[in-house]
Amino acid sequence: MPPVKVKRITVYLEDLGQDFTKWDIDDGVVTGCRPFQAWMWVGTKVLNEDIQPGCQLEIIGKDGKVAWLKYRVERVKTR
């Protein structure tokens, strides 16, 4: 049986002093960013299909460029 693809998750990122540590991701798109910088990250596409602690997120920013988010995933919560 193939794994079930989770469509709505909250990703907790390692805290290295940046302005955001949580992303809400719905169907591969960032829909929430806390505590700050929602203006920057909401709308970002996340290319990873399997998001687990320790992984880095591959993203497509609003500028259309593919990049890796610097901060690793610490925890994933289904919403």
Protein backbone atom coordinates (compact mmCIF):
# COMPACT_ATOMS: atom_id res chain seq x y z
CA MET A 1 0.00 0.00 0.00
CA PRO A 2 1.50 3.41 -0.97
CA PRO A 3 2.00 6.05 1.75
CA VAL A 4 -0.82 8.53 2.29
CA LYS A 5 0.11 12.02 1.15
CA VAL A 6 -0.64 14.52 3.91
CA LYS A 7 -2.12 17.68 2.46
CA ARG A 8 -2.19 19.96 5.52
CA ILE A 9 0.79 20.11 7.88
CA THR A 10 2.63 22.49 10.16
CA VAL A 11 6.41 22.28 9.90
CA TYR A 12 8.51 23.35 12.88
CA LEU A 13 11.95 24.55 11.78
CA GLU A 14 15.18 24.59 13.76
CA ASP A 15 15.71 27.97 15.40
CA LEU A 16 18.98 29.55 14.36
CA GLY A 17 17.84 33.06 15.25
CA GLN A 18 15.71 33.67 12.15
CA ASP A 19 12.35 35.49 12.27
CA PHE A 20 10.24 32.40 11.52
CA THR A 21 10.13 28.89 12.97
CA LYS A 22 6.77 27.50 11.78
CA TRP A 23 5.28 27.07 8.35
CA ASP A 24 1.77 25.87 7.56
CA ILE A 25 1.87 23.97 4.27
CA ASP A 26 -1.32 23.11 2.38
CA ASP A 27 -1.05 21.03 -0.81
CA GLY A 28 2.62 22.01 -1.22
CA VAL A 29 2.17 25.77 -0.70
CA VAL A 30 3.12 27.80 2.39
CA THR A 31 -0.12 29.31 3.74
CA GLY A 32 1.16 30.50 7.11
CA CYS A 33 4.46 31.60 8.60
CA ARG A 34 5.07 32.36 12.27
CA PRO A 35 5.99 34.33 14.21
CA PHE A 36 7.14 36.83 11.55
CA GLN A 37 7.80 37.20 7.79
CA ALA A 38 4.50 35.84 6.48
CA TRP A 39 4.72 38.57 3.83
CA MET A 40 7.92 36.96 2.57
CA TRP A 41 7.07 33.24 2.67
CA VAL A 42 3.32 32.79 2.19
CA GLY A 43 2.83 31.57 -1.38
CA THR A 44 6.19 29.77 -1.54
CA LYS A 45 5.93 26.33 -3.13
CA VAL A 46 7.48 23.35 -1.31
CA LEU A 47 8.75 20.65 -3.66
CA ASN A 48 9.40 17.92 -1.06
CA GLU A 49 6.83 15.14 -1.16
CA ASP A 50 8.11 13.47 2.01
CA ILE A 51 8.71 15.97 4.82
CA GLN A 52 10.25 14.52 7.98
CA PRO A 53 12.46 15.73 10.85
CA GLY A 54 16.00 16.41 9.71
CA CYS A 55 15.19 17.17 6.09
CA GLN A 56 15.70 20.46 4.28
CA LEU A 57 12.88 21.92 2.25
CA GLU A 58 13.35 22.50 -1.45
CA ILE A 59 11.30 25.54 -2.41
CA ILE A 60 10.30 27.77 -5.29
CA GLY A 61 10.22 31.35 -4.06
CA LYS A 62 7.98 34.15 -5.26
CA ASP A 63 10.77 35.10 -7.66
CA GLY A 64 10.42 31.69 -9.34
CA LYS A 65 13.87 30.47 -8.29
CA VAL A 66 14.43 27.00 -6.84
CA ALA A 67 16.39 26.97 -3.58
CA TRP A 68 16.93 25.01 -0.38
CA LEU A 69 15.67 26.50 2.88
CA LYS A 70 18.62 26.93 5.24
CA TYR A 71 16.75 25.67 8.32
CA ARG A 72 16.09 21.96 8.83
CA VAL A 73 12.75 20.52 9.84
CA GLU A 74 12.54 19.66 13.56
CA ARG A 75 8.97 18.38 13.75
CA VAL A 76 5.94 17.87 11.50
CA LYS A 77 2.36 18.07 12.75
CA THR A 78 -0.71 17.07 10.75
CA ARG A 79 -3.53 19.65 10.84
